[in-house]
PDB file of N, CA and C in Angstrom:
ATOM      1  N   ALA A   1      41.924-149.930 -87.195  1.00  0.00           N
ATOM      2  CA  ALA A   1      40.519-149.587 -86.873  1.00  0.00           C
ATOM      3  C   ALA A   1      40.073-148.420 -87.756  1.00  0.00           C
ATOM      4  N   GLN A   2      40.942-147.429 -87.903  1.00  0.00           N
ATOM      5  CA  GLN A   2      40.566-146.263 -88.717  1.00  0.00           C
ATOM      6  C   GLN A   2      40.255-146.692 -90.150  1.00  0.00           C
ATOM      7  N   GLY A   3      41.109-147.544 -90.707  1.00  0.00           N
ATOM      8  CA  GLY A   3      40.886-148.003 -92.089  1.00  0.00           C
ATOM      9  C   GLY A   3      39.515-148.643 -92.219  1.00  0.00           C
ATOM     10  N   PHE A   4      39.158-149.467 -91.261  1.00  0.00           N
ATOM     11  CA  PHE A   4      37.856-150.149 -91.331  1.00  0.00           C
ATOM     12  C   PHE A   4      36.723-149.124 -91.240  1.00  0.00           C
ATOM     13  N   THR A   5      36.907-148.132 -90.368  1.00  0.00           N
ATOM     14  CA  THR A   5      35.858-147.106 -90.218  1.00  0.00           C
ATOM     15  C   THR A   5      35.677-146.352 -91.525  1.00  0.00           C
ATOM     16  N   ILE A   6      36.790-145.963 -92.144  1.00  0.00           N
ATOM     17  CA  ILE A   6      36.707-145.224 -93.410  1.00  0.00           C
ATOM     18  C   ILE A   6      35.984-146.076 -94.452  1.00  0.00           C
ATOM     19  N   PHE A   7      36.335-147.337 -94.522  1.00  0.00           N
ATOM     20  CA  PHE A   7      35.700-148.223 -95.506  1.00  0.00           C
ATOM     21  C   PHE A   7      34.207-148.331 -95.226  1.00  0.00           C
ATOM     22  N   ALA A   8      33.855-148.454 -93.955  1.00  0.00           N
ATOM     23  CA  ALA A   8      32.430-148.582 -93.591  1.00  0.00           C
ATOM     24  C   ALA A   8      31.677-147.313 -93.985  1.00  0.00           C
ATOM     25  N   VAL A   9      32.264-146.159 -93.714  1.00  0.00           N
ATOM     26  CA  VAL A   9      31.602-144.892 -94.066  1.00  0.00           C
ATOM     27  C   VAL A   9      31.438-144.802 -95.581  1.00  0.00           C
ATOM     28  N   LEU A  10      32.496-145.105 -96.309  1.00  0.00           N
ATOM     29  CA  LEU A  10      32.426-145.032 -97.768  1.00  0.00           C
ATOM     30  C   LEU A  10      31.350-145.976 -98.288  1.00  0.00           C
ATOM     31  N   ALA A  11      31.328-147.196 -97.786  1.00  0.00           N
ATOM     32  CA  ALA A  11      30.320-148.177 -98.231  1.00  0.00           C
ATOM     33  C   ALA A  11      28.923-147.659 -97.904  1.00  0.00           C
ATOM     34  N   SER A  12      28.772-147.061 -96.750  1.00  0.00           N
ATOM     35  CA  SER A  12      27.446-146.552 -96.352  1.00  0.00           C
ATOM     36  C   SER A  12      26.994-145.455 -97.313  1.00  0.00           C
ATOM     37  N   ILE A  13      27.894-144.548 -97.647  1.00  0.00           N
ATOM     38  CA  ILE A  13      27.541-143.462 -98.573  1.00  0.00           C
ATOM     39  C   ILE A  13      27.171-144.048 -99.934  1.00  0.00           C
ATOM     40  N   MET A  14      27.993-144.976-100.418  1.00  0.00           N
ATOM     41  CA  MET A  14      27.712-145.582-101.728  1.00  0.00           C
ATOM     42  C   MET A  14      26.365-146.301-101.682  1.00  0.00           C
ATOM     43  N   TYR A  15      26.110-147.025-100.615  1.00  0.00           N
ATOM     44  CA  TYR A  15      24.842-147.768-100.498  1.00  0.00           C
ATOM     45  C   TYR A  15      23.666-146.790-100.488  1.00  0.00           C
ATOM     46  N   ALA A  16      23.821-145.687 -99.769  1.00  0.00           N
ATOM     47  CA  ALA A  16      22.725-144.704 -99.702  1.00  0.00           C
ATOM     48  C   ALA A  16      22.470-144.134-101.097  1.00  0.00           C
ATOM     49  N   GLY A  17      23.533-143.823-101.830  1.00  0.00           N
ATOM     50  CA  GLY A  17      23.362-143.289-103.191  1.00  0.00           C
ATOM     51  C   GLY A  17      22.618-144.282-104.063  1.00  0.00           C
ATOM     52  N   GLN A  18      22.988-145.554-103.984  1.00  0.00           N
ATOM     53  CA  GLN A  18      22.322-146.564-104.808  1.00  0.00           C
ATOM     54  C   GLN A  18      20.859-146.676-104.404  1.00  0.00           C
ATOM     55  N   SER A  19      20.586-146.579-103.111  1.00  0.00           N
ATOM     56  CA  SER A  19      19.208-146.717-102.629  1.00  0.00           C
ATOM     57  C   SER A  19      18.354-145.592-103.204  1.00  0.00           C
ATOM     58  N   GLU A  20      18.911-144.384-103.267  1.00  0.00           N
ATOM     59  CA  GLU A  20      18.137-143.259-103.797  1.00  0.00           C
ATOM     60  C   GLU A  20      17.850-143.458-105.282  1.00  0.00           C
ATOM     61  N   GLN A  21      18.810-144.019-106.013  1.00  0.00           N
ATOM     62  CA  GLN A  21      18.616-144.208-107.453  1.00  0.00           C
ATOM     63  C   GLN A  21      17.596-145.314-107.712  1.00  0.00           C
ATOM     64  N   SER A  22      16.578-144.994-108.484  1.00  0.00           N
ATOM     65  CA  SER A  22      15.577-146.019-108.832  1.00  0.00           C
ATOM     66  C   SER A  22      16.084-146.842-110.013  1.00  0.00           C
ATOM     67  N   GLY A  23      16.908-146.225-110.861  1.00  0.00           N
ATOM     68  CA  GLY A  23      17.400-146.924-112.060  1.00  0.00           C
ATOM     69  C   GLY A  23      18.904-146.853-112.145  1.00  0.00           C
ATOM     70  N   PRO A  24      19.479-147.397-113.207  1.00  0.00           N
ATOM     71  CA  PRO A  24      20.943-147.422-113.374  1.00  0.00           C
ATOM     72  C   PRO A  24      21.494-146.038-113.677  1.00  0.00           C
ATOM     73  N   THR A  25      20.653-145.124-114.140  1.00  0.00           N
ATOM     74  CA  THR A  25      21.147-143.783-114.481  1.00  0.00           C
ATOM     75  C   THR A  25      21.461-142.999-113.211  1.00  0.00           C
ATOM     76  N   PRO A  26      22.605-142.331-113.148  1.00  0.00           N
ATOM     77  CA  PRO A  26      22.978-141.552-111.961  1.00  0.00           C
ATOM     78  C   PRO A  26      22.040-140.368-111.773  1.00  0.00           C
ATOM     79  N   PRO A  27      21.859-139.898-110.522  1.00  0.00           N
ATOM     80  CA  PRO A  27      20.924-138.808-110.236  1.00  0.00           C
ATOM     81  C   PRO A  27      21.465-137.443-110.652  1.00  0.00           C
ATOM     82  N   LYS A  28      22.784-137.285-110.734  1.00  0.00           N
ATOM     83  CA  LYS A  28      23.352-135.970-111.071  1.00  0.00           C
ATOM     84  C   LYS A  28      22.833-135.479-112.433  1.00  0.00           C
ATOM     85  N   PRO A  29      23.076-136.200-113.522  1.00  0.00           N
ATOM     86  CA  PRO A  29      22.605-135.749-114.843  1.00  0.00           C
ATOM     87  C   PRO A  29      21.081-135.670-114.877  1.00  0.00           C
ATOM     88  N   ASN A  30      20.427-136.566-114.165  1.00  0.00           N
ATOM     89  CA  ASN A  30      18.964-136.578-114.171  1.00  0.00           C
ATOM     90  C   ASN A  30      18.444-135.273-113.571  1.00  0.00           C
ATOM     91  N   ARG A  31      19.027-134.840-112.470  1.00  0.00           N
ATOM     92  CA  ARG A  31      18.570-133.599-111.825  1.00  0.00           C
ATOM     93  C   ARG A  31      18.833-132.417-112.756  1.00  0.00           C
ATOM     94  N   SER A  32      19.976-132.422-113.423  1.00  0.00           N
ATOM     95  CA  SER A  32      20.309-131.327-114.337  1.00  0.00           C
ATOM     96  C   SER A  32      19.242-131.250-115.426  1.00  0.00           C
ATOM     97  N   SER A  33      18.852-132.393-115.951  1.00  0.00           N
ATOM     98  CA  SER A  33      17.853-132.436-117.021  1.00  0.00           C
ATOM     99  C   SER A  33      16.541-131.870-116.493  1.00  0.00           C
ATOM    100  N   THR A  34      16.148-132.312-115.307  1.00  0.00           N
ATOM    101  CA  THR A  34      14.872-131.846-114.732  1.00  0.00           C
ATOM    102  C   THR A  34      14.921-130.335-114.537  1.00  0.00           C
ATOM    103  N   SER A  35      16.054-129.839-114.093  1.00  0.00           N
ATOM    104  CA  SER A  35      16.193-128.416-113.849  1.00  0.00           C
ATOM    105  C   SER A  35      16.149-127.698-115.187  1.00  0.00           C
TER     106      SER A  35
END
């Protein structure tokens, strides 16, 4: 059960990150550039 929970949490985080990204470029370097 724990393994499944960890996988679900990881997938959720990854999905949320992808949802925030409008394009293929990651947000980390993009934010650095904007700053």
